[in-house]
Amino acid sequence: MILDGKVVGCSTSRVYSAFLRKMISLCVIDRELTTPGTQVAVVWGDRGAVQREIRATVAKLPFKEDKRRIDVSPST
């Protein structure tokens, strides 16, 4: 991952989400850039092969609202 020409993280996987209808990716990123909404660029492609920068926006997990019906939180 790149911000202002500096490598700030690494995308570990990428996949198309049929639910969200867009590409999503997990990554490791510098802590100071983890605020949801931060704009970065992801370099797709292997070293020595064709690479391309793709714009990305930091988002927190989960990507969708949790609608489970069972409360799994610890009892207090």
PDB file of N, CA and C in Angstrom:
ATOM      1  N   MET A   1       0.847  -1.157   0.000  1.00  0.00           N
ATOM      2  CA  MET A   1       0.000   0.000   0.000  1.00  0.00           C
ATOM      3  C   MET A   1       0.898   1.227   0.000  1.00  0.00           C
ATOM      4  N   ILE A   2       0.453   2.248  -0.693  1.00  0.00           N
ATOM      5  CA  ILE A   2       1.266   3.447  -0.881  1.00  0.00           C
ATOM      6  C   ILE A   2       0.462   4.688  -0.509  1.00  0.00           C
ATOM      7  N   LEU A   3       1.114   5.622   0.154  1.00  0.00           N
ATOM      8  CA  LEU A   3       0.538   6.931   0.454  1.00  0.00           C
ATOM      9  C   LEU A   3       1.632   7.962   0.275  1.00  0.00           C
ATOM     10  N   ASP A   4       1.395   8.931  -0.572  1.00  0.00           N
ATOM     11  CA  ASP A   4       2.369   9.987  -0.860  1.00  0.00           C
ATOM     12  C   ASP A   4       3.725   9.418  -1.294  1.00  0.00           C
ATOM     13  N   GLY A   5       3.695   8.345  -2.090  1.00  0.00           N
ATOM     14  CA  GLY A   5       4.917   7.749  -2.613  1.00  0.00           C
ATOM     15  C   GLY A   5       5.662   6.857  -1.647  1.00  0.00           C
ATOM     16  N   LYS A   6       5.162   6.669  -0.420  1.00  0.00           N
ATOM     17  CA  LYS A   6       5.822   5.851   0.600  1.00  0.00           C
ATOM     18  C   LYS A   6       5.040   4.553   0.809  1.00  0.00           C
ATOM     19  N   VAL A   7       5.748   3.424   0.903  1.00  0.00           N
ATOM     20  CA  VAL A   7       5.097   2.147   1.201  1.00  0.00           C
ATOM     21  C   VAL A   7       4.633   2.175   2.657  1.00  0.00           C
ATOM     22  N   VAL A   8       3.330   1.956   2.890  1.00  0.00           N
ATOM     23  CA  VAL A   8       2.768   2.045   4.238  1.00  0.00           C
ATOM     24  C   VAL A   8       2.079   0.757   4.677  1.00  0.00           C
ATOM     25  N   GLY A   9       2.112  -0.260   3.829  1.00  0.00           N
ATOM     26  CA  GLY A   9       1.461  -1.501   4.209  1.00  0.00           C
ATOM     27  C   GLY A   9       1.529  -2.524   3.101  1.00  0.00           C
ATOM     28  N   CYS A  10       0.868  -3.644   3.338  1.00  0.00           N
ATOM     29  CA  CYS A  10       0.895  -4.755   2.387  1.00  0.00           C
ATOM     30  C   CYS A  10      -0.483  -5.400   2.328  1.00  0.00           C
ATOM     31  N   SER A  11      -1.030  -5.533   1.137  1.00  0.00           N
ATOM     32  CA  SER A  11      -2.288  -6.231   0.937  1.00  0.00           C
ATOM     33  C   SER A  11      -2.010  -7.727   0.979  1.00  0.00           C
ATOM     34  N   THR A  12      -2.760  -8.456   1.803  1.00  0.00           N
ATOM     35  CA  THR A  12      -2.519  -9.884   1.949  1.00  0.00           C
ATOM     36  C   THR A  12      -3.437 -10.735   1.093  1.00  0.00           C
ATOM     37  N   SER A  13      -4.533 -10.170   0.653  1.00  0.00           N
ATOM     38  CA  SER A  13      -5.460 -10.915  -0.196  1.00  0.00           C
ATOM     39  C   SER A  13      -6.416  -9.928  -0.845  1.00  0.00           C
ATOM     40  N   ARG A  14      -7.028 -10.366  -1.920  1.00  0.00           N
ATOM     41  CA  ARG A  14      -8.045  -9.535  -2.554  1.00  0.00           C
ATOM     42  C   ARG A  14      -9.072 -10.454  -3.197  1.00  0.00           C
ATOM     43  N   VAL A  15     -10.321  -9.998  -3.208  1.00  0.00           N
ATOM     44  CA  VAL A  15     -11.403 -10.806  -3.743  1.00  0.00           C
ATOM     45  C   VAL A  15     -12.572  -9.886  -4.102  1.00  0.00           C
ATOM     46  N   TYR A  16     -13.375 -10.304  -5.054  1.00  0.00           N
ATOM     47  CA  TYR A  16     -14.584  -9.569  -5.382  1.00  0.00           C
ATOM     48  C   TYR A  16     -15.678 -10.021  -4.430  1.00  0.00           C
ATOM     49  N   SER A  17     -16.343  -9.067  -3.755  1.00  0.00           N
ATOM     50  CA  SER A  17     -17.447  -9.370  -2.854  1.00  0.00           C
ATOM     51  C   SER A  17     -18.754  -9.231  -3.619  1.00  0.00           C
ATOM     52  N   ALA A  18     -19.454 -10.352  -3.811  1.00  0.00           N
ATOM     53  CA  ALA A  18     -20.754 -10.301  -4.479  1.00  0.00           C
ATOM     54  C   ALA A  18     -21.755  -9.539  -3.623  1.00  0.00           C
ATOM     55  N   PHE A  19     -21.622  -9.641  -2.287  1.00  0.00           N
ATOM     56  CA  PHE A  19     -22.534  -8.937  -1.386  1.00  0.00           C
ATOM     57  C   PHE A  19     -22.364  -7.428  -1.507  1.00  0.00           C
ATOM     58  N   LEU A  20     -21.109  -6.955  -1.491  1.00  0.00           N
ATOM     59  CA  LEU A  20     -20.834  -5.518  -1.562  1.00  0.00           C
ATOM     60  C   LEU A  20     -20.750  -5.005  -2.994  1.00  0.00           C
ATOM     61  N   ARG A  21     -20.607  -5.929  -3.956  1.00  0.00           N
ATOM     62  CA  ARG A  21     -20.462  -5.595  -5.371  1.00  0.00           C
ATOM     63  C   ARG A  21     -19.240  -4.720  -5.637  1.00  0.00           C
ATOM     64  N   LYS A  22     -18.140  -5.071  -4.969  1.00  0.00           N
ATOM     65  CA  LYS A  22     -16.870  -4.367  -5.188  1.00  0.00           C
ATOM     66  C   LYS A  22     -15.725  -5.247  -4.715  1.00  0.00           C
ATOM     67  N   MET A  23     -14.512  -4.855  -5.094  1.00  0.00           N
ATOM     68  CA  MET A  23     -13.322  -5.565  -4.637  1.00  0.00           C
ATOM     69  C   MET A  23     -13.052  -5.193  -3.184  1.00  0.00           C
ATOM     70  N   ILE A  24     -12.629  -6.184  -2.399  1.00  0.00           N
ATOM     71  CA  ILE A  24     -12.207  -5.940  -1.023  1.00  0.00           C
ATOM     72  C   ILE A  24     -10.863  -6.628  -0.817  1.00  0.00           C
ATOM     73  N   SER A  25     -10.108  -6.150   0.172  1.00  0.00           N
ATOM     74  CA  SER A  25      -8.787  -6.708   0.429  1.00  0.00           C
ATOM     75  C   SER A  25      -8.459  -6.567   1.901  1.00  0.00           C
ATOM     76  N   LEU A  26      -7.826  -7.576   2.461  1.00  0.00           N
ATOM     77  CA  LEU A  26      -7.280  -7.474   3.807  1.00  0.00           C
ATOM     78  C   LEU A  26      -5.858  -6.978   3.685  1.00  0.00           C
ATOM     79  N   CYS A  27      -5.391  -6.254   4.695  1.00  0.00           N
ATOM     80  CA  CYS A  27      -4.035  -5.726   4.607  1.00  0.00           C
ATOM     81  C   CYS A  27      -3.442  -5.510   5.985  1.00  0.00           C
ATOM     82  N   VAL A  28      -2.149  -5.294   5.987  1.00  0.00           N
ATOM     83  CA  VAL A  28      -1.407  -4.836   7.151  1.00  0.00           C
ATOM     84  C   VAL A  28      -0.987  -3.420   6.779  1.00  0.00           C
ATOM     85  N   ILE A  29      -1.280  -2.443   7.654  1.00  0.00           N
ATOM     86  CA  ILE A  29      -1.029  -1.039   7.323  1.00  0.00           C
ATOM     87  C   ILE A  29      -0.506  -0.312   8.555  1.00  0.00           C
ATOM     88  N   ASP A  30       0.294   0.733   8.332  1.00  0.00           N
ATOM     89  CA  ASP A  30       0.818   1.524   9.454  1.00  0.00           C
ATOM     90  C   ASP A  30      -0.333   1.981  10.353  1.00  0.00           C
ATOM     91  N   ARG A  31      -0.137   1.859  11.661  1.00  0.00           N
ATOM     92  CA  ARG A  31      -1.180   2.156  12.645  1.00  0.00           C
ATOM     93  C   ARG A  31      -1.789   3.552  12.479  1.00  0.00           C
ATOM     94  N   GLU A  32      -0.971   4.544  12.164  1.00  0.00           N
ATOM     95  CA  GLU A  32      -1.491   5.912  12.073  1.00  0.00           C
ATOM     96  C   GLU A  32      -2.407   6.122  10.856  1.00  0.00           C
ATOM     97  N   LEU A  33      -2.492   5.133   9.975  1.00  0.00           N
ATOM     98  CA  LEU A  33      -3.338   5.251   8.785  1.00  0.00           C
ATOM     99  C   LEU A  33      -4.589   4.378   8.857  1.00  0.00           C
ATOM    100  N   THR A  34      -4.893   3.826  10.038  1.00  0.00           N
ATOM    101  CA  THR A  34      -6.013   2.904  10.159  1.00  0.00           C
ATOM    102  C   THR A  34      -7.370   3.573  10.337  1.00  0.00           C
ATOM    103  N   THR A  35      -7.438   4.884  10.333  1.00  0.00           N
ATOM    104  CA  THR A  35      -8.705   5.579  10.469  1.00  0.00           C
ATOM    105  C   THR A  35      -9.580   5.289   9.249  1.00  0.00           C
ATOM    106  N   PRO A  36     -10.812   4.778   9.462  1.00  0.00           N
ATOM    107  CA  PRO A  36     -11.696   4.522   8.325  1.00  0.00           C
ATOM    108  C   PRO A  36     -11.866   5.783   7.473  1.00  0.00           C
ATOM    109  N   GLY A  37     -11.802   5.599   6.165  1.00  0.00           N
ATOM    110  CA  GLY A  37     -11.920   6.712   5.238  1.00  0.00           C
ATOM    111  C   GLY A  37     -10.583   7.178   4.678  1.00  0.00           C
ATOM    112  N   THR A  38      -9.463   6.742   5.278  1.00  0.00           N
ATOM    113  CA  THR A  38      -8.144   7.113   4.774  1.00  0.00           C
ATOM    114  C   THR A  38      -7.962   6.570   3.356  1.00  0.00           C
ATOM    115  N   GLN A  39      -7.518   7.413   2.439  1.00  0.00           N
ATOM    116  CA  GLN A  39      -7.304   7.031   1.047  1.00  0.00           C
ATOM    117  C   GLN A  39      -5.858   6.582   0.853  1.00  0.00           C
ATOM    118  N   VAL A  40      -5.657   5.411   0.239  1.00  0.00           N
ATOM    119  CA  VAL A  40      -4.333   4.879  -0.068  1.00  0.00           C
ATOM    120  C   VAL A  40      -4.372   4.303  -1.477  1.00  0.00           C
ATOM    121  N   ALA A  41      -3.246   3.796  -1.939  1.00  0.00           N
ATOM    122  CA  ALA A  41      -3.182   3.102  -3.224  1.00  0.00           C
ATOM    123  C   ALA A  41      -2.617   1.709  -2.978  1.00  0.00           C
ATOM    124  N   VAL A  42      -3.174   0.719  -3.649  1.00  0.00           N
ATOM    125  CA  VAL A  42      -2.697  -0.653  -3.558  1.00  0.00           C
ATOM    126  C   VAL A  42      -2.027  -0.995  -4.878  1.00  0.00           C
ATOM    127  N   VAL A  43      -0.820  -1.537  -4.817  1.00  0.00           N
ATOM    128  CA  VAL A  43      -0.114  -1.955  -6.032  1.00  0.00           C
ATOM    129  C   VAL A  43      -0.484  -3.409  -6.298  1.00  0.00           C
ATOM    130  N   TRP A  44      -1.181  -3.646  -7.417  1.00  0.00           N
ATOM    131  CA  TRP A  44      -1.564  -5.005  -7.806  1.00  0.00           C
ATOM    132  C   TRP A  44      -0.605  -5.495  -8.863  1.00  0.00           C
ATOM    133  N   GLY A  45      -0.170  -6.726  -8.723  1.00  0.00           N
ATOM    134  CA  GLY A  45       0.728  -7.341  -9.690  1.00  0.00           C
ATOM    135  C   GLY A  45       1.998  -7.803  -9.006  1.00  0.00           C
ATOM    136  N   ASP A  46       2.631  -8.776  -9.590  1.00  0.00           N
ATOM    137  CA  ASP A  46       3.862  -9.326  -9.038  1.00  0.00           C
ATOM    138  C   ASP A  46       5.062  -8.482  -9.435  1.00  0.00           C
ATOM    139  N   ARG A  47       6.091  -8.479  -8.589  1.00  0.00           N
ATOM    140  CA  ARG A  47       7.340  -7.784  -8.927  1.00  0.00           C
ATOM    141  C   ARG A  47       7.894  -8.356 -10.214  1.00  0.00           C
ATOM    142  N   GLY A  48       8.388  -7.498 -11.065  1.00  0.00           N
ATOM    143  CA  GLY A  48       8.951  -7.932 -12.336  1.00  0.00           C
ATOM    144  C   GLY A  48       7.908  -8.140 -13.414  1.00  0.00           C
ATOM    145  N   ALA A  49       6.636  -8.039 -13.048  1.00  0.00           N
ATOM    146  CA  ALA A  49       5.545  -8.161 -14.015  1.00  0.00           C
ATOM    147  C   ALA A  49       4.809  -6.822 -14.073  1.00  0.00           C
ATOM    148  N   VAL A  50       3.784  -6.766 -14.872  1.00  0.00           N
ATOM    149  CA  VAL A  50       2.991  -5.536 -14.963  1.00  0.00           C
ATOM    150  C   VAL A  50       2.304  -5.281 -13.620  1.00  0.00           C
ATOM    151  N   GLN A  51       2.481  -4.065 -13.097  1.00  0.00           N
ATOM    152  CA  GLN A  51       1.833  -3.666 -11.854  1.00  0.00           C
ATOM    153  C   GLN A  51       0.969  -2.435 -12.110  1.00  0.00           C
ATOM    154  N   ARG A  52      -0.037  -2.270 -11.273  1.00  0.00           N
ATOM    155  CA  ARG A  52      -0.943  -1.137 -11.420  1.00  0.00           C
ATOM    156  C   ARG A  52      -1.355  -0.642 -10.042  1.00  0.00           C
ATOM    157  N   GLU A  53      -1.422   0.678  -9.873  1.00  0.00           N
ATOM    158  CA  GLU A  53      -1.897   1.245  -8.610  1.00  0.00           C
ATOM    159  C   GLU A  53      -3.413   1.366  -8.659  1.00  0.00           C
ATOM    160  N   ILE A  54      -4.068   0.858  -7.626  1.00  0.00           N
ATOM    161  CA  ILE A  54      -5.518   0.900  -7.493  1.00  0.00           C
ATOM    162  C   ILE A  54      -5.849   1.728  -6.255  1.00  0.00           C
ATOM    163  N   ARG A  55      -6.742   2.704  -6.407  1.00  0.00           N
ATOM    164  CA  ARG A  55      -7.156   3.504  -5.246  1.00  0.00           C
ATOM    165  C   ARG A  55      -7.936   2.637  -4.268  1.00  0.00           C
ATOM    166  N   ALA A  56      -7.728   2.891  -2.975  1.00  0.00           N
ATOM    167  CA  ALA A  56      -8.422   2.130  -1.937  1.00  0.00           C
ATOM    168  C   ALA A  56      -8.764   3.045  -0.770  1.00  0.00           C
ATOM    169  N   THR A  57      -9.798   2.675  -0.042  1.00  0.00           N
ATOM    170  CA  THR A  57     -10.234   3.414   1.136  1.00  0.00           C
ATOM    171  C   THR A  57     -10.219   2.471   2.333  1.00  0.00           C
ATOM    172  N   VAL A  58      -9.591   2.893   3.424  1.00  0.00           N
ATOM    173  CA  VAL A  58      -9.535   2.089   4.642  1.00  0.00           C
ATOM    174  C   VAL A  58     -10.938   2.005   5.242  1.00  0.00           C
ATOM    175  N   ALA A  59     -11.356   0.792   5.606  1.00  0.00           N
ATOM    176  CA  ALA A  59     -12.660   0.572   6.241  1.00  0.00           C
ATOM    177  C   ALA A  59     -12.467  -0.370   7.418  1.00  0.00           C
ATOM    178  N   LYS A  60     -13.325  -0.257   8.427  1.00  0.00           N
ATOM    179  CA  LYS A  60     -13.203  -1.157   9.570  1.00  0.00           C
ATOM    180  C   LYS A  60     -14.031  -2.412   9.306  1.00  0.00           C
ATOM    181  N   LEU A  61     -13.663  -3.480   9.976  1.00  0.00           N
ATOM    182  CA  LEU A  61     -14.428  -4.722   9.886  1.00  0.00           C
ATOM    183  C   LEU A  61     -15.519  -4.716  10.937  1.00  0.00           C
ATOM    184  N   PRO A  62     -16.615  -5.383  10.769  1.00  0.00           N
ATOM    185  CA  PRO A  62     -17.013  -6.048   9.533  1.00  0.00           C
ATOM    186  C   PRO A  62     -17.512  -5.039   8.514  1.00  0.00           C
ATOM    187  N   PHE A  63     -17.537  -5.452   7.247  1.00  0.00           N
ATOM    188  CA  PHE A  63     -17.979  -4.576   6.171  1.00  0.00           C
ATOM    189  C   PHE A  63     -19.488  -4.382   6.155  1.00  0.00           C
ATOM    190  N   LYS A  64     -20.205  -5.252   6.834  1.00  0.00           N
ATOM    191  CA  LYS A  64     -21.655  -5.139   6.873  1.00  0.00           C
ATOM    192  C   LYS A  64     -22.129  -5.274   8.311  1.00  0.00           C
ATOM    193  N   GLU A  65     -23.316  -4.780   8.574  1.00  0.00           N
ATOM    194  CA  GLU A  65     -23.877  -4.813   9.918  1.00  0.00           C
ATOM    195  C   GLU A  65     -24.080  -6.258  10.381  1.00  0.00           C
ATOM    196  N   ASP A  66     -23.731  -6.539  11.626  1.00  0.00           N
ATOM    197  CA  ASP A  66     -23.902  -7.866  12.206  1.00  0.00           C
ATOM    198  C   ASP A  66     -25.353  -8.010  12.658  1.00  0.00           C
ATOM    199  N   LYS A  67     -26.098  -8.895  12.026  1.00  0.00           N
ATOM    200  CA  LYS A  67     -27.516  -9.069  12.353  1.00  0.00           C
ATOM    201  C   LYS A  67     -27.799 -10.425  12.995  1.00  0.00           C
ATOM    202  N   ARG A  68     -26.782 -10.968  13.691  1.00  0.00           N
ATOM    203  CA  ARG A  68     -27.020 -12.236  14.376  1.00  0.00           C
ATOM    204  C   ARG A  68     -28.099 -12.065  15.432  1.00  0.00           C
ATOM    205  N   ARG A  69     -28.875 -13.109  15.644  1.00  0.00           N
ATOM    206  CA  ARG A  69     -29.970 -13.052  16.609  1.00  0.00           C
ATOM    207  C   ARG A  69     -29.557 -13.533  17.998  1.00  0.00           C
ATOM    208  N   ILE A  70     -28.371 -14.129  18.097  1.00  0.00           N
ATOM    209  CA  ILE A  70     -27.909 -14.661  19.375  1.00  0.00           C
ATOM    210  C   ILE A  70     -26.873 -13.710  19.956  1.00  0.00           C
ATOM    211  N   ASP A  71     -27.051 -13.340  21.230  1.00  0.00           N
ATOM    212  CA  ASP A  71     -26.082 -12.488  21.910  1.00  0.00           C
ATOM    213  C   ASP A  71     -24.904 -13.353  22.351  1.00  0.00           C
ATOM    214  N   VAL A  72     -23.746 -13.150  21.749  1.00  0.00           N
ATOM    215  CA  VAL A  72     -22.564 -13.940  22.080  1.00  0.00           C
ATOM    216  C   VAL A  72     -21.586 -13.170  22.946  1.00  0.00           C
ATOM    217  N   SER A  73     -22.003 -12.011  23.438  1.00  0.00           N
ATOM    218  CA  SER A  73     -21.107 -11.220  24.286  1.00  0.00           C
ATOM    219  C   SER A  73     -21.003 -11.873  25.655  1.00  0.00           C
ATOM    220  N   PRO A  74     -19.842 -11.661  26.361  1.00  0.00           N
ATOM    221  CA  PRO A  74     -19.660 -12.264  27.681  1.00  0.00           C
ATOM    222  C   PRO A  74     -20.671 -11.718  28.685  1.00  0.00           C
ATOM    223  N   SER A  75     -21.098 -12.564  29.575  1.00  0.00           N
ATOM    224  CA  SER A  75     -22.044 -12.147  30.624  1.00  0.00           C
ATOM    225  C   SER A  75     -21.343 -11.245  31.621  1.00  0.00           C
ATOM    226  N   THR A  76     -22.061 -10.282  32.162  1.00  0.00           N
ATOM    227  CA  THR A  76     -21.468  -9.380  33.155  1.00  0.00           C
ATOM    228  C   THR A  76     -22.094  -9.599  34.504  1.00  0.00           C
TER     229      THR A  76
END
